[in-house]
């Protein structure tokens, strides 16, 4: 990207390069001097037009760069958002499983309590207690798994929020540039 001082240096160099050609014609007083002044004025106008064009090119390059940065950031966010949706589905599934296990555990507790009250077989009571213990263990494992999912989802949500904030900042910069 060309800076303003580079443009000024380029314009000055072109003007200095053109000056010897104009003076080499050996202007005679009067008409030749007038023609020389007109040529230098024409060169000046041309250089001003070149400066404006180069400034427009620089501006467009800055806009293009910002657009590419926005696009790149948004492209990087999409896989994260997709992964978050996947985790959310897994989380919902596990929540449903935990609810199911809790209902089954409650039913098993009720069945064991009924059997104890009715004075049923101690062997059946022991087997029911083992089943309840196993269900409680599965419930603990599933609950720990869901806590890990919640932590990963929060991390992804935070990263997505940061990325979206960066996109908004770049978008605001672009809007400011376009408003100039």
C-alpha atoms as a PDB file:
ATOM      1  CA  UNK A   1       0.000   0.000   0.000  1.00  0.00           C
ATOM      2  CA  UNK A   2       1.394   3.343  -0.989  1.00  0.00           C
ATOM      3  CA  UNK A   3       1.639   6.017   1.650  1.00  0.00           C
ATOM      4  CA  UNK A   4       0.935   9.686   1.019  1.00  0.00           C
ATOM      5  CA  UNK A   5       4.641  10.638   1.208  1.00  0.00           C
ATOM      6  CA  UNK A   6       5.410   7.919  -1.375  1.00  0.00           C
ATOM      7  CA  UNK A   7       2.858   9.478  -3.681  1.00  0.00           C
ATOM      8  CA  UNK A   8       4.391  12.912  -3.175  1.00  0.00           C
ATOM      9  CA  UNK A   9       7.870  11.547  -3.885  1.00  0.00           C
ATOM     10  CA  UNK A  10       6.618   9.797  -7.026  1.00  0.00           C
ATOM     11  CA  UNK A  11       4.906  12.951  -8.269  1.00  0.00           C
ATOM     12  CA  UNK A  12       8.000  15.063  -7.579  1.00  0.00           C
ATOM     13  CA  UNK A  13      10.220  12.584  -9.401  1.00  0.00           C
ATOM     14  CA  UNK A  14       7.925  12.642 -12.431  1.00  0.00           C
ATOM     15  CA  UNK A  15       7.897  16.441 -12.399  1.00  0.00           C
ATOM     16  CA  UNK A  16      11.696  16.613 -12.149  1.00  0.00           C
ATOM     17  CA  UNK A  17      12.054  14.058 -14.927  1.00  0.00           C
ATOM     18  CA  UNK A  18       9.775  16.068 -17.192  1.00  0.00           C
ATOM     19  CA  UNK A  19      11.409  19.418 -16.469  1.00  0.00           C
ATOM     20  CA  UNK A  20      14.653  18.795 -18.425  1.00  0.00           C
ATOM     21  CA  UNK A  21      12.642  17.728 -21.450  1.00  0.00           C
ATOM     22  CA  UNK A  22      10.642  20.938 -21.287  1.00  0.00           C
ATOM     23  CA  UNK A  23      13.725  23.099 -20.823  1.00  0.00           C
ATOM     24  CA  UNK A  24      15.731  21.208 -23.476  1.00  0.00           C
ATOM     25  CA  UNK A  25      13.562  22.727 -26.174  1.00  0.00           C
ATOM     26  CA  UNK A  26      15.313  26.000 -25.556  1.00  0.00           C
ATOM     27  CA  UNK A  27      12.386  28.293 -24.987  1.00  0.00           C
ATOM     28  CA  UNK A  28      12.625  31.715 -26.506  1.00  0.00           C
ATOM     29  CA  UNK A  29      11.152  34.564 -24.582  1.00  0.00           C
ATOM     30  CA  UNK A  30       7.449  35.073 -24.948  1.00  0.00           C
ATOM     31  CA  UNK A  31       5.587  32.356 -26.806  1.00  0.00           C
ATOM     32  CA  UNK A  32       7.879  29.476 -25.868  1.00  0.00           C
ATOM     33  CA  UNK A  33       7.748  30.490 -22.191  1.00  0.00           C
ATOM     34  CA  UNK A  34       3.952  30.486 -22.289  1.00  0.00           C
ATOM     35  CA  UNK A  35       3.938  27.022 -23.843  1.00  0.00           C
ATOM     36  CA  UNK A  36       6.359  25.799 -21.177  1.00  0.00           C
ATOM     37  CA  UNK A  37       4.136  27.138 -18.392  1.00  0.00           C
ATOM     38  CA  UNK A  38       1.150  25.391 -19.997  1.00  0.00           C
ATOM     39  CA  UNK A  39       3.052  22.098 -20.222  1.00  0.00           C
ATOM     40  CA  UNK A  40       4.169  22.285 -16.580  1.00  0.00           C
ATOM     41  CA  UNK A  41       0.604  23.137 -15.528  1.00  0.00           C
ATOM     42  CA  UNK A  42      -0.639  20.132 -17.537  1.00  0.00           C
ATOM     43  CA  UNK A  43       1.942  17.918 -15.872  1.00  0.00           C
ATOM     44  CA  UNK A  44       0.828  19.212 -12.481  1.00  0.00           C
ATOM     45  CA  UNK A  45      -2.824  18.383 -13.258  1.00  0.00           C
ATOM     46  CA  UNK A  46      -1.830  14.921 -14.444  1.00  0.00           C
ATOM     47  CA  UNK A  47       0.160  14.316 -11.262  1.00  0.00           C
ATOM     48  CA  UNK A  48      -2.770  15.450  -9.143  1.00  0.00           C
ATOM     49  CA  UNK A  49      -5.056  13.047 -10.991  1.00  0.00           C
ATOM     50  CA  UNK A  50      -2.507  10.266 -10.486  1.00  0.00           C
ATOM     51  CA  UNK A  51      -2.368  11.074  -6.773  1.00  0.00           C
ATOM     52  CA  UNK A  52      -6.166  10.888  -6.489  1.00  0.00           C
ATOM     53  CA  UNK A  53      -6.247   7.601  -8.376  1.00  0.00           C
ATOM     54  CA  UNK A  54      -3.507   6.084  -6.221  1.00  0.00           C
ATOM     55  CA  UNK A  55      -5.303   7.217  -3.062  1.00  0.00           C
ATOM     56  CA  UNK A  56      -8.467   5.511  -4.334  1.00  0.00           C
ATOM     57  CA  UNK A  57      -6.499   2.341  -5.012  1.00  0.00           C
ATOM     58  CA  UNK A  58      -5.020   2.468  -1.492  1.00  0.00           C
ATOM     59  CA  UNK A  59      -8.469   2.955   0.016  1.00  0.00           C
ATOM     60  CA  UNK A  60      -9.860   0.019  -1.962  1.00  0.00           C
ATOM     61  CA  UNK A  61      -6.942  -2.163  -0.853  1.00  0.00           C
ATOM     62  CA  UNK A  62      -7.643  -1.288   2.791  1.00  0.00           C
ATOM     63  CA  UNK A  63     -11.334  -2.123   2.334  1.00  0.00           C
ATOM     64  CA  UNK A  64     -10.465  -5.417   0.622  1.00  0.00           C
ATOM     65  CA  UNK A  65      -8.064  -6.309   3.430  1.00  0.00           C
ATOM     66  CA  UNK A  66     -10.707  -5.654   6.079  1.00  0.00           C
ATOM     67  CA  UNK A  67     -13.258  -7.707   4.153  1.00  0.00           C
ATOM     68  CA  UNK A  68     -10.811 -10.609   3.900  1.00  0.00           C
ATOM     69  CA  UNK A  69     -10.056 -10.407   7.631  1.00  0.00           C
ATOM     70  CA  UNK A  70     -13.793 -10.483   8.422  1.00  0.00           C
ATOM     71  CA  UNK A  71     -14.344 -13.420   6.081  1.00  0.00           C
ATOM     72  CA  UNK A  72     -11.405 -15.352   7.569  1.00  0.00           C
ATOM     73  CA  UNK A  73     -12.594 -14.813  11.135  1.00  0.00           C
ATOM     74  CA  UNK A  74     -16.132 -15.867  10.232  1.00  0.00           C
ATOM     75  CA  UNK A  75     -14.773 -18.976   8.488  1.00  0.00           C
ATOM     76  CA  UNK A  76     -12.835 -19.880  11.635  1.00  0.00           C
ATOM     77  CA  UNK A  77     -15.963 -19.465  13.775  1.00  0.00           C
ATOM     78  CA  UNK A  78     -18.143 -21.853  11.760  1.00  0.00           C
ATOM     79  CA  UNK A  79     -16.409 -25.108  12.828  1.00  0.00           C
ATOM     80  CA  UNK A  80     -16.543 -23.942  16.435  1.00  0.00           C
ATOM     81  CA  UNK A  81     -20.270 -23.217  16.164  1.00  0.00           C
ATOM     82  CA  UNK A  82     -20.834 -26.609  14.528  1.00  0.00           C
ATOM     83  CA  UNK A  83     -18.903 -28.341  17.306  1.00  0.00           C
ATOM     84  CA  UNK A  84     -20.941 -26.448  19.904  1.00  0.00           C
ATOM     85  CA  UNK A  85     -24.191 -27.603  18.269  1.00  0.00           C
ATOM     86  CA  UNK A  86     -22.880 -31.176  18.332  1.00  0.00           C
ATOM     87  CA  UNK A  87     -22.012 -30.876  22.022  1.00  0.00           C
ATOM     88  CA  UNK A  88     -25.447 -29.414  22.699  1.00  0.00           C
ATOM     89  CA  UNK A  89     -27.109 -32.432  21.056  1.00  0.00           C
ATOM     90  CA  UNK A  90     -24.917 -34.782  23.091  1.00  0.00           C
ATOM     91  CA  UNK A  91     -25.709 -32.787  26.228  1.00  0.00           C
ATOM     92  CA  UNK A  92     -29.454 -32.980  25.555  1.00  0.00           C
ATOM     93  CA  UNK A  93     -29.190 -36.739  24.965  1.00  0.00           C
ATOM     94  CA  UNK A  94     -27.289 -37.297  28.176  1.00  0.00           C
ATOM     95  CA  UNK A  95     -29.749 -35.157  30.119  1.00  0.00           C
ATOM     96  CA  UNK A  96     -32.550 -37.374  28.813  1.00  0.00           C
ATOM     97  CA  UNK A  97     -30.588 -40.497  29.809  1.00  0.00           C
ATOM     98  CA  UNK A  98     -29.962 -39.124  33.295  1.00  0.00           C
ATOM     99  CA  UNK A  99     -33.655 -38.376  33.723  1.00  0.00           C
ATOM    100  CA  UNK A 100     -34.444 -41.918  32.581  1.00  0.00           C
ATOM    101  CA  UNK A 101     -31.877 -43.386  35.027  1.00  0.00           C
ATOM    102  CA  UNK A 102     -33.287 -41.275  37.842  1.00  0.00           C
ATOM    103  CA  UNK A 103     -36.794 -42.554  37.113  1.00  0.00           C
ATOM    104  CA  UNK A 104     -35.544 -46.134  36.954  1.00  0.00           C
ATOM    105  CA  UNK A 105     -33.607 -45.677  40.196  1.00  0.00           C
ATOM    106  CA  UNK A 106     -36.655 -44.252  41.925  1.00  0.00           C
ATOM    107  CA  UNK A 107     -38.705 -47.229  40.709  1.00  0.00           C
ATOM    108  CA  UNK A 108     -36.043 -49.660  41.922  1.00  0.00           C
ATOM    109  CA  UNK A 109     -35.904 -47.962  45.334  1.00  0.00           C
ATOM    110  CA  UNK A 110     -39.683 -48.224  45.583  1.00  0.00           C
ATOM    111  CA  UNK A 111     -39.623 -51.897  44.579  1.00  0.00           C
ATOM    112  CA  UNK A 112     -36.925 -52.711  47.180  1.00  0.00           C
ATOM    113  CA  UNK A 113     -38.882 -50.810  49.832  1.00  0.00           C
ATOM    114  CA  UNK A 114     -42.050 -52.726  48.937  1.00  0.00           C
ATOM    115  CA  UNK A 115     -40.244 -56.052  49.084  1.00  0.00           C
ATOM    116  CA  UNK A 116     -38.723 -55.206  52.477  1.00  0.00           C
ATOM    117  CA  UNK A 117     -42.144 -54.231  53.842  1.00  0.00           C
ATOM    118  CA  UNK A 118     -43.700 -57.411  52.529  1.00  0.00           C
ATOM    119  CA  UNK A 119     -40.901 -59.538  53.980  1.00  0.00           C
ATOM    120  CA  UNK A 120     -39.813 -61.064  50.702  1.00  0.00           C
ATOM    121  CA  UNK A 121     -36.820 -63.231  50.048  1.00  0.00           C
ATOM    122  CA  UNK A 122     -33.484 -61.794  51.279  1.00  0.00           C
ATOM    123  CA  UNK A 123     -31.693 -63.037  48.146  1.00  0.00           C
ATOM    124  CA  UNK A 124     -34.054 -61.088  45.910  1.00  0.00           C
ATOM    125  CA  UNK A 125     -33.616 -58.101  48.187  1.00  0.00           C
ATOM    126  CA  UNK A 126     -29.811 -58.364  47.853  1.00  0.00           C
ATOM    127  CA  UNK A 127     -30.054 -58.589  44.063  1.00  0.00           C
ATOM    128  CA  UNK A 128     -32.341 -55.562  43.975  1.00  0.00           C
ATOM    129  CA  UNK A 129     -29.878 -53.642  46.161  1.00  0.00           C
ATOM    130  CA  UNK A 130     -27.071 -54.516  43.718  1.00  0.00           C
ATOM    131  CA  UNK A 131     -29.158 -53.289  40.811  1.00  0.00           C
ATOM    132  CA  UNK A 132     -29.871 -50.048  42.667  1.00  0.00           C
ATOM    133  CA  UNK A 133     -26.166 -49.624  43.464  1.00  0.00           C
ATOM    134  CA  UNK A 134     -25.239 -50.178  39.808  1.00  0.00           C
ATOM    135  CA  UNK A 135     -27.858 -47.660  38.676  1.00  0.00           C
ATOM    136  CA  UNK A 136     -26.518 -45.132  41.175  1.00  0.00           C
ATOM    137  CA  UNK A 137     -22.979 -45.682  39.847  1.00  0.00           C
ATOM    138  CA  UNK A 138     -24.138 -45.168  36.245  1.00  0.00           C
ATOM    139  CA  UNK A 139     -25.975 -42.031  37.338  1.00  0.00           C
ATOM    140  CA  UNK A 140     -22.803 -40.652  38.980  1.00  0.00           C
ATOM    141  CA  UNK A 141     -20.742 -41.393  35.828  1.00  0.00           C
ATOM    142  CA  UNK A 142     -23.337 -39.793  33.545  1.00  0.00           C
ATOM    143  CA  UNK A 143     -23.596 -36.739  35.803  1.00  0.00           C
ATOM    144  CA  UNK A 144     -19.798 -36.320  35.734  1.00  0.00           C
ATOM    145  CA  UNK A 145     -19.861 -36.667  31.953  1.00  0.00           C
ATOM    146  CA  UNK A 146     -22.525 -34.011  31.629  1.00  0.00           C
ATOM    147  CA  UNK A 147     -20.514 -31.656  33.842  1.00  0.00           C
ATOM    148  CA  UNK A 148     -17.540 -32.094  31.491  1.00  0.00           C
ATOM    149  CA  UNK A 149     -19.784 -31.347  28.523  1.00  0.00           C
ATOM    150  CA  UNK A 150     -21.102 -28.218  30.229  1.00  0.00           C
ATOM    151  CA  UNK A 151     -17.521 -27.028  30.829  1.00  0.00           C
ATOM    152  CA  UNK A 152     -16.513 -27.638  27.190  1.00  0.00           C
ATOM    153  CA  UNK A 153     -19.672 -25.923  25.957  1.00  0.00           C
ATOM    154  CA  UNK A 154     -18.963 -22.859  28.122  1.00  0.00           C
ATOM    155  CA  UNK A 155     -15.389 -22.706  26.768  1.00  0.00           C
ATOM    156  CA  UNK A 156     -16.642 -22.905  23.188  1.00  0.00           C
ATOM    157  CA  UNK A 157     -19.358 -20.334  23.846  1.00  0.00           C
ATOM    158  CA  UNK A 158     -16.733 -17.969  25.293  1.00  0.00           C
ATOM    159  CA  UNK A 159     -14.413 -18.501  22.313  1.00  0.00           C
ATOM    160  CA  UNK A 160     -17.300 -17.937  19.904  1.00  0.00           C
ATOM    161  CA  UNK A 161     -18.328 -14.774  21.734  1.00  0.00           C
ATOM    162  CA  UNK A 162     -14.746 -13.472  21.531  1.00  0.00           C
ATOM    163  CA  UNK A 163     -14.552 -14.294  17.820  1.00  0.00           C
ATOM    164  CA  UNK A 164     -17.886 -12.645  17.120  1.00  0.00           C
ATOM    165  CA  UNK A 165     -16.758  -9.564  19.034  1.00  0.00           C
ATOM    166  CA  UNK A 166     -13.629  -9.384  16.846  1.00  0.00           C
ATOM    167  CA  UNK A 167     -15.813  -9.624  13.727  1.00  0.00           C
ATOM    168  CA  UNK A 168     -18.048  -6.832  15.033  1.00  0.00           C
ATOM    169  CA  UNK A 169     -15.012  -4.620  15.676  1.00  0.00           C
ATOM    170  CA  UNK A 170     -13.698  -5.236  12.151  1.00  0.00           C
ATOM    171  CA  UNK A 171     -17.160  -4.621  10.736  1.00  0.00           C
ATOM    172  CA  UNK A 172     -17.351  -1.321  12.615  1.00  0.00           C
ATOM    173  CA  UNK A 173     -13.942  -0.325  11.229  1.00  0.00           C
ATOM    174  CA  UNK A 174     -15.195  -1.117   7.738  1.00  0.00           C
ATOM    175  CA  UNK A 175     -18.347   0.946   8.264  1.00  0.00           C
ATOM    176  CA  UNK A 176     -16.260   3.879   9.501  1.00  0.00           C
ATOM    177  CA  UNK A 177     -14.020   3.653   6.443  1.00  0.00           C
ATOM    178  CA  UNK A 178     -16.993   3.516   4.103  1.00  0.00           C
ATOM    179  CA  UNK A 179     -18.580   6.506   5.857  1.00  0.00           C
ATOM    180  CA  UNK A 180     -15.573   8.700   5.057  1.00  0.00           C
END
